N, C-alpha and C. Protein backbone atom coordinates (compact mmCIF):
# COMPACT_ATOMS: atom_id res chain seq x y z
N MET A 1 55.46 77.33 195.71
CA MET A 1 56.54 77.64 194.69
C MET A 1 58.09 76.71 194.63
N ILE A 2 58.32 77.08 193.16
CA ILE A 2 59.19 76.17 192.84
C ILE A 2 60.90 76.49 192.74
N GLU A 3 61.63 76.17 193.52
CA GLU A 3 62.95 76.50 193.71
C GLU A 3 63.84 75.90 192.51
N VAL A 4 64.50 77.04 191.43
CA VAL A 4 65.44 76.96 190.46
C VAL A 4 67.08 77.16 190.53
N TYR A 5 67.66 76.40 190.41
CA TYR A 5 69.13 76.88 190.72
C TYR A 5 69.53 76.53 188.84
N THR A 6 70.21 77.63 188.38
CA THR A 6 70.61 77.76 187.38
C THR A 6 72.02 77.89 186.96
N ASP A 7 72.79 77.72 186.67
CA ASP A 7 74.41 77.95 185.91
C ASP A 7 74.81 77.55 184.90
N GLY A 8 75.69 78.38 184.36
CA GLY A 8 75.96 77.92 182.99
C GLY A 8 77.79 78.35 183.29
N ALA A 9 78.14 76.92 182.43
CA ALA A 9 79.90 76.76 182.20
C ALA A 9 80.44 76.68 180.87
N SER A 10 81.33 77.53 180.60
CA SER A 10 82.30 77.08 179.39
C SER A 10 83.44 76.39 179.47
N SER A 11 84.30 76.00 178.78
CA SER A 11 85.81 75.34 178.78
C SER A 11 86.75 76.36 177.75
N GLY A 12 87.43 77.43 177.92
CA GLY A 12 87.38 78.48 177.38
C GLY A 12 86.23 79.47 177.11
N ASN A 13 86.43 80.86 176.75
CA ASN A 13 85.83 81.66 176.84
C ASN A 13 85.80 82.99 175.20
N PRO A 14 85.34 82.69 174.14
CA PRO A 14 84.07 81.08 174.29
C PRO A 14 85.19 79.93 173.91
N GLY A 15 83.84 79.10 173.92
CA GLY A 15 84.18 78.09 174.28
C GLY A 15 83.15 76.77 174.08
N ILE A 16 83.23 75.70 174.38
CA ILE A 16 82.15 74.41 174.41
C ILE A 16 81.63 74.98 176.01
N SER A 17 80.57 75.20 175.78
CA SER A 17 79.64 75.65 176.78
C SER A 17 78.17 74.45 177.12
N GLY A 18 77.62 74.67 178.52
CA GLY A 18 77.23 73.69 179.11
C GLY A 18 75.81 74.24 180.01
N ALA A 19 74.82 74.18 180.21
CA ALA A 19 73.85 74.79 181.49
C ALA A 19 73.65 73.48 182.14
N GLY A 20 73.46 73.96 183.33
CA GLY A 20 72.76 72.89 184.47
C GLY A 20 72.09 73.62 184.94
N VAL A 21 70.39 72.43 185.36
CA VAL A 21 69.16 73.18 185.98
C VAL A 21 69.08 72.26 186.91
N TYR A 22 68.77 72.99 188.66
CA TYR A 22 68.40 72.05 189.30
C TYR A 22 66.95 72.17 190.41
N ILE A 23 66.29 71.93 190.33
CA ILE A 23 64.86 72.29 190.40
C ILE A 23 64.40 71.25 191.86
N LYS A 24 63.51 71.88 192.57
CA LYS A 24 63.27 71.34 193.98
C LYS A 24 61.99 71.92 193.90
N ALA A 25 60.93 70.54 193.67
CA ALA A 25 59.46 71.02 193.40
C ALA A 25 58.26 70.25 194.15
N HIS A 26 57.80 70.91 194.69
CA HIS A 26 57.01 69.26 195.89
C HIS A 26 57.54 68.52 196.20
N GLY A 27 58.60 68.44 196.83
CA GLY A 27 59.31 67.77 197.58
C GLY A 27 60.13 66.58 196.41
N LYS A 28 60.19 67.00 195.52
CA LYS A 28 61.33 66.10 194.74
C LYS A 28 62.01 67.15 193.79
N ILE A 29 62.98 66.24 193.55
CA ILE A 29 64.54 67.21 192.96
C ILE A 29 64.22 66.95 191.52
N PHE A 30 64.71 67.95 190.65
CA PHE A 30 64.86 67.35 189.47
C PHE A 30 65.85 67.71 188.85
N ASP A 31 67.03 67.35 187.85
CA ASP A 31 68.51 67.84 187.52
C ASP A 31 68.40 67.64 185.90
N PHE A 32 68.85 68.70 185.78
CA PHE A 32 68.73 68.92 184.49
C PHE A 32 70.53 69.13 183.74
N SER A 33 70.60 68.39 182.60
CA SER A 33 72.50 69.02 181.90
C SER A 33 72.60 69.02 180.35
N PHE A 34 72.20 70.21 179.89
CA PHE A 34 72.46 70.59 178.36
C PHE A 34 73.67 71.34 177.85
N SER A 35 74.26 70.48 176.43
CA SER A 35 75.11 70.83 176.12
C SER A 35 74.57 71.97 175.00
N LEU A 36 75.48 73.01 175.42
CA LEU A 36 75.26 74.11 174.13
C LEU A 36 75.51 75.02 173.35
N GLY A 37 76.94 74.33 172.79
CA GLY A 37 77.72 74.53 171.81
C GLY A 37 78.87 75.19 171.82
N THR A 38 79.22 76.30 171.12
CA THR A 38 80.47 77.34 171.17
C THR A 38 79.64 78.15 172.07
N MET A 39 80.17 79.20 172.92
CA MET A 39 79.38 80.42 173.12
C MET A 39 80.40 80.86 174.62
N SER A 40 80.12 82.52 175.07
CA SER A 40 81.31 82.61 176.49
C SER A 40 80.37 82.37 177.51
N ASN A 41 80.88 82.08 178.19
CA ASN A 41 80.49 82.04 179.90
C ASN A 41 79.02 82.56 180.08
N HIS A 42 79.14 83.68 180.06
CA HIS A 42 77.62 84.72 179.91
C HIS A 42 76.66 84.28 179.53
N GLU A 43 76.71 84.11 178.02
CA GLU A 43 75.90 83.50 177.25
C GLU A 43 75.10 81.96 177.93
N ALA A 44 76.56 80.89 178.30
CA ALA A 44 75.85 80.35 178.73
C ALA A 44 74.93 80.31 179.95
N GLU A 45 75.35 81.22 180.65
CA GLU A 45 74.74 81.83 182.00
C GLU A 45 72.80 82.20 181.27
N PHE A 46 73.01 83.03 180.39
CA PHE A 46 71.61 83.42 180.16
C PHE A 46 70.88 81.89 179.60
N HIS A 47 71.54 81.37 178.84
CA HIS A 47 70.94 79.69 178.14
C HIS A 47 70.22 78.95 179.35
N ALA A 48 71.03 78.92 180.75
CA ALA A 48 70.95 77.99 181.36
C ALA A 48 69.53 78.73 182.32
N VAL A 49 68.82 80.05 182.30
CA VAL A 49 67.79 80.36 182.77
C VAL A 49 66.84 80.46 182.06
N LEU A 50 67.08 80.41 180.34
CA LEU A 50 66.17 79.91 179.10
C LEU A 50 65.86 78.38 179.26
N LYS A 51 66.79 77.97 180.02
CA LYS A 51 66.64 76.11 179.71
C LYS A 51 65.70 76.15 180.76
N ALA A 52 65.75 76.76 182.01
CA ALA A 52 65.30 76.48 182.84
C ALA A 52 63.78 77.41 182.91
N LEU A 53 63.20 78.02 182.18
CA LEU A 53 62.12 78.42 182.18
C LEU A 53 61.69 77.62 181.48
N GLY A 54 62.18 76.80 180.23
CA GLY A 54 60.80 76.08 179.14
C GLY A 54 60.71 74.69 180.20
N ILE A 55 61.87 74.28 181.12
CA ILE A 55 61.35 73.11 181.75
C ILE A 55 59.88 73.80 182.64
N CYS A 56 60.20 74.83 182.94
CA CYS A 56 59.07 74.96 184.30
C CYS A 56 57.88 75.34 183.29
N LEU A 57 57.83 75.75 182.16
CA LEU A 57 56.49 76.05 181.18
C LEU A 57 56.06 74.58 181.16
N GLU A 58 57.00 73.82 180.82
CA GLU A 58 56.32 72.13 180.56
C GLU A 58 55.79 72.00 181.71
N ARG A 59 56.69 71.55 182.75
CA ARG A 59 56.08 71.02 183.61
C ARG A 59 55.61 71.94 185.16
N PHE A 60 55.73 72.72 185.37
CA PHE A 60 54.65 73.27 186.02
C PHE A 60 54.31 74.83 186.06
N PRO A 61 53.56 74.83 184.97
CA PRO A 61 52.79 76.10 184.47
C PRO A 61 52.06 77.05 185.59
N GLY A 62 52.17 77.97 185.78
CA GLY A 62 51.33 78.72 186.57
C GLY A 62 51.99 78.56 188.28
N GLU A 63 52.98 77.86 188.14
CA GLU A 63 53.41 78.30 189.77
C GLU A 63 54.29 79.01 189.95
N ILE A 64 54.77 79.10 191.23
CA ILE A 64 55.30 80.98 191.65
C ILE A 64 57.02 79.91 191.27
N LEU A 65 57.98 80.84 190.54
CA LEU A 65 59.04 80.50 190.40
C LEU A 65 60.33 82.02 191.10
N SER A 66 60.91 80.93 191.99
CA SER A 66 62.04 81.53 192.33
C SER A 66 63.30 80.69 192.06
N PHE A 67 64.35 81.85 191.41
CA PHE A 67 65.45 81.40 190.85
C PHE A 67 66.69 81.54 191.55
N ARG A 68 67.40 81.07 191.11
CA ARG A 68 68.92 81.51 192.27
C ARG A 68 70.19 81.34 190.98
N SER A 69 71.05 82.49 190.62
CA SER A 69 71.98 82.28 190.20
C SER A 69 72.99 82.88 190.29
N ASP A 70 74.36 82.10 190.21
CA ASP A 70 75.69 82.55 190.73
C ASP A 70 76.30 83.79 189.32
N SER A 71 75.31 84.04 188.51
CA SER A 71 75.85 85.34 187.74
C SER A 71 75.43 86.89 188.17
N LYS A 72 76.08 87.36 188.01
CA LYS A 72 75.91 88.83 188.90
C LYS A 72 75.09 89.51 187.43
N LEU A 73 75.86 89.58 186.46
CA LEU A 73 75.77 89.86 185.16
C LEU A 73 74.00 89.35 184.72
N VAL A 74 73.93 88.29 184.58
CA VAL A 74 72.28 88.00 184.57
C VAL A 74 71.74 88.26 184.72
N VAL A 75 71.29 88.21 186.30
CA VAL A 75 70.71 88.72 187.53
C VAL A 75 70.57 89.75 187.51
N ASP A 76 71.28 90.93 187.70
CA ASP A 76 71.32 92.23 187.26
C ASP A 76 70.21 92.61 185.99
N ALA A 77 70.52 91.95 184.82
CA ALA A 77 70.23 91.75 183.67
C ALA A 77 68.65 92.28 183.96
N ILE A 78 68.36 90.51 184.51
CA ILE A 78 66.61 90.29 184.36
C ILE A 78 66.07 91.14 185.43
N GLU A 79 66.74 91.79 186.72
CA GLU A 79 66.17 92.49 188.17
C GLU A 79 65.79 94.02 186.62
N LYS A 80 67.21 94.45 186.33
CA LYS A 80 66.27 95.45 185.41
C LYS A 80 66.00 95.75 184.28
N GLY A 81 65.49 94.80 183.56
CA GLY A 81 64.88 94.11 182.61
C GLY A 81 65.80 95.41 181.82
N PHE A 82 67.39 95.42 181.79
CA PHE A 82 67.86 95.90 180.31
C PHE A 82 69.37 95.43 180.33
N THR A 83 69.87 95.35 179.61
CA THR A 83 71.54 94.87 179.08
C THR A 83 72.16 95.84 177.83
N LYS A 84 73.22 96.68 178.46
CA LYS A 84 73.51 97.43 177.45
C LYS A 84 73.80 96.25 176.02
N ASN A 85 74.58 95.38 175.99
CA ASN A 85 75.33 94.66 175.32
C ASN A 85 74.50 93.79 174.23
N PRO A 86 74.32 94.00 173.27
CA PRO A 86 73.59 93.75 172.44
C PRO A 86 73.93 92.30 171.70
N ALA A 87 74.63 91.25 172.29
CA ALA A 87 74.60 90.34 172.50
C ALA A 87 73.83 89.28 173.01
N TYR A 88 73.43 89.76 174.39
CA TYR A 88 72.69 89.77 175.45
C TYR A 88 71.33 90.32 175.21
N GLN A 89 70.69 91.02 174.31
CA GLN A 89 68.92 91.85 174.51
C GLN A 89 68.49 90.73 173.87
N PRO A 90 68.57 89.51 173.45
CA PRO A 90 67.63 88.45 172.77
C PRO A 90 67.69 87.72 173.53
N LEU A 91 68.83 87.45 174.24
CA LEU A 91 68.88 86.38 175.41
C LEU A 91 67.78 86.83 176.58
N LEU A 92 67.74 88.42 176.84
CA LEU A 92 67.06 88.51 177.70
C LEU A 92 65.72 88.71 177.77
N ALA A 93 65.06 89.35 176.34
CA ALA A 93 63.90 89.43 175.86
C ALA A 93 63.51 88.11 175.76
N ALA A 94 64.02 87.22 175.76
CA ALA A 94 63.69 86.03 175.30
C ALA A 94 63.17 85.37 177.30
N ILE A 95 63.95 85.65 177.54
CA ILE A 95 63.90 85.40 179.36
C ILE A 95 62.63 85.73 179.86
N GLN A 96 62.24 87.24 179.52
CA GLN A 96 61.31 87.71 180.22
C GLN A 96 59.97 87.20 179.36
N GLU A 97 59.96 86.50 177.62
CA GLU A 97 58.91 86.65 177.55
C GLU A 97 58.16 84.94 177.90
N LYS A 98 59.26 84.49 178.59
CA LYS A 98 59.22 83.25 178.81
C LYS A 98 58.58 83.55 180.49
N ALA A 99 59.00 84.52 181.32
CA ALA A 99 58.63 84.40 182.63
C ALA A 99 57.47 85.13 182.89
N SER A 100 56.44 85.82 181.89
CA SER A 100 55.65 86.36 181.51
C SER A 100 54.57 85.69 182.04
N HIS A 101 55.04 84.07 181.50
CA HIS A 101 54.01 83.00 181.47
C HIS A 101 53.71 82.12 183.37
N PHE A 102 54.08 83.15 183.97
CA PHE A 102 54.11 82.80 185.26
C PHE A 102 53.60 83.81 185.97
N PRO A 103 52.63 83.92 187.08
CA PRO A 103 52.25 84.76 188.08
C PRO A 103 53.24 85.63 189.16
N TYR A 104 54.44 84.70 188.95
CA TYR A 104 55.16 85.47 189.71
C TYR A 104 56.76 84.63 189.41
N PHE A 105 57.94 85.56 189.14
CA PHE A 105 59.13 85.00 188.60
C PHE A 105 60.26 85.83 189.67
N PHE A 106 61.18 85.25 190.39
CA PHE A 106 61.81 85.96 191.02
C PHE A 106 63.60 85.38 190.72
N ILE A 107 64.52 86.26 190.69
CA ILE A 107 65.21 85.83 190.74
C ILE A 107 66.29 86.46 191.63
N LYS A 108 67.70 85.53 192.28
CA LYS A 108 68.22 85.83 193.37
C LYS A 108 69.73 85.77 192.85
N TRP A 109 70.35 86.54 193.25
CA TRP A 109 71.79 86.24 193.54
C TRP A 109 72.29 85.62 194.10
N ILE A 110 73.36 84.27 194.19
CA ILE A 110 73.97 83.43 194.84
C ILE A 110 75.39 83.56 194.95
N PRO A 111 76.26 83.46 195.93
CA PRO A 111 77.25 83.03 195.78
C PRO A 111 77.87 81.73 195.12
N GLU A 112 78.79 81.45 194.04
CA GLU A 112 78.99 80.39 193.42
C GLU A 112 79.03 79.21 194.21
N LYS A 113 79.13 79.13 195.70
CA LYS A 113 79.37 77.78 196.73
C LYS A 113 78.24 77.29 197.11
N GLN A 114 77.29 78.32 196.84
CA GLN A 114 75.59 77.92 197.17
C GLN A 114 75.50 77.09 195.35
N ASN A 115 75.95 77.01 194.83
CA ASN A 115 75.05 76.24 193.87
C ASN A 115 75.92 75.90 193.02
N PRO A 116 76.46 74.87 194.06
CA PRO A 116 77.55 72.92 193.81
C PRO A 116 76.20 72.27 192.55
N HIS A 117 75.13 72.30 193.07
CA HIS A 117 74.30 71.09 192.38
C HIS A 117 74.41 71.63 190.42
N ALA A 118 73.79 72.72 190.12
CA ALA A 118 73.77 72.99 188.94
C ALA A 118 75.17 74.03 188.52
N ASP A 119 76.31 73.71 189.14
CA ASP A 119 77.41 74.15 188.52
C ASP A 119 78.23 72.63 187.85
N LYS A 120 77.48 71.79 189.25
CA LYS A 120 78.04 70.06 188.16
C LYS A 120 77.37 69.53 187.41
N LEU A 121 76.38 69.97 187.03
CA LEU A 121 75.55 69.98 185.85
C LEU A 121 75.79 70.34 184.51
N ALA A 122 76.37 71.76 184.60
CA ALA A 122 76.71 72.46 183.74
C ALA A 122 77.99 72.26 183.17
N ARG A 123 79.09 71.60 184.07
CA ARG A 123 80.24 70.98 184.23
C ARG A 123 80.14 69.54 182.88
N GLN A 124 79.21 68.89 183.76
CA GLN A 124 79.30 67.67 182.82
C GLN A 124 78.40 68.15 181.45
N ALA A 125 77.58 69.06 181.34
CA ALA A 125 77.32 68.78 179.68
C ALA A 125 78.54 69.24 178.62
N ILE A 126 79.81 70.09 179.75
CA ILE A 126 80.69 70.29 178.62
C ILE A 126 81.42 69.28 178.64
N PHE A 127 81.83 68.21 179.25
CA PHE A 127 82.63 67.05 178.27
C PHE A 127 81.80 65.67 177.98
N ARG A 128 79.97 66.45 178.06
CA ARG A 128 79.83 64.92 177.27
C ARG A 128 79.56 65.62 175.70
N VAL A 129 79.99 66.60 175.35
CA VAL A 129 80.29 66.48 173.50
C VAL A 129 81.41 65.64 173.16
């Protein structure tokens, strides 16, 4: 099973945003930091999950994925398969499409203090711009 921690961050809301992805797989650690341009913090959180799924499709096809995020909004939307907000609907659809390529995809909400690595990576992406 691949453990994936994601986080999105924005400097301002909306503002310059970044995504952090921290992966534990096969006894190794992988970390990624992505600049996302200007968007809301919630959008950055969705994009972090999308970026992580893209990495997993490329590097860990066919694996069982266990995601963790400190965004209740994103976790709830993915678990329910629904969001009322029109801005998030295409992001959720893209997540569902990418996740469908894996035999199992789980996502769990964790407190922010349990997500320091992904948070640091997301913040690094903001200040690289």
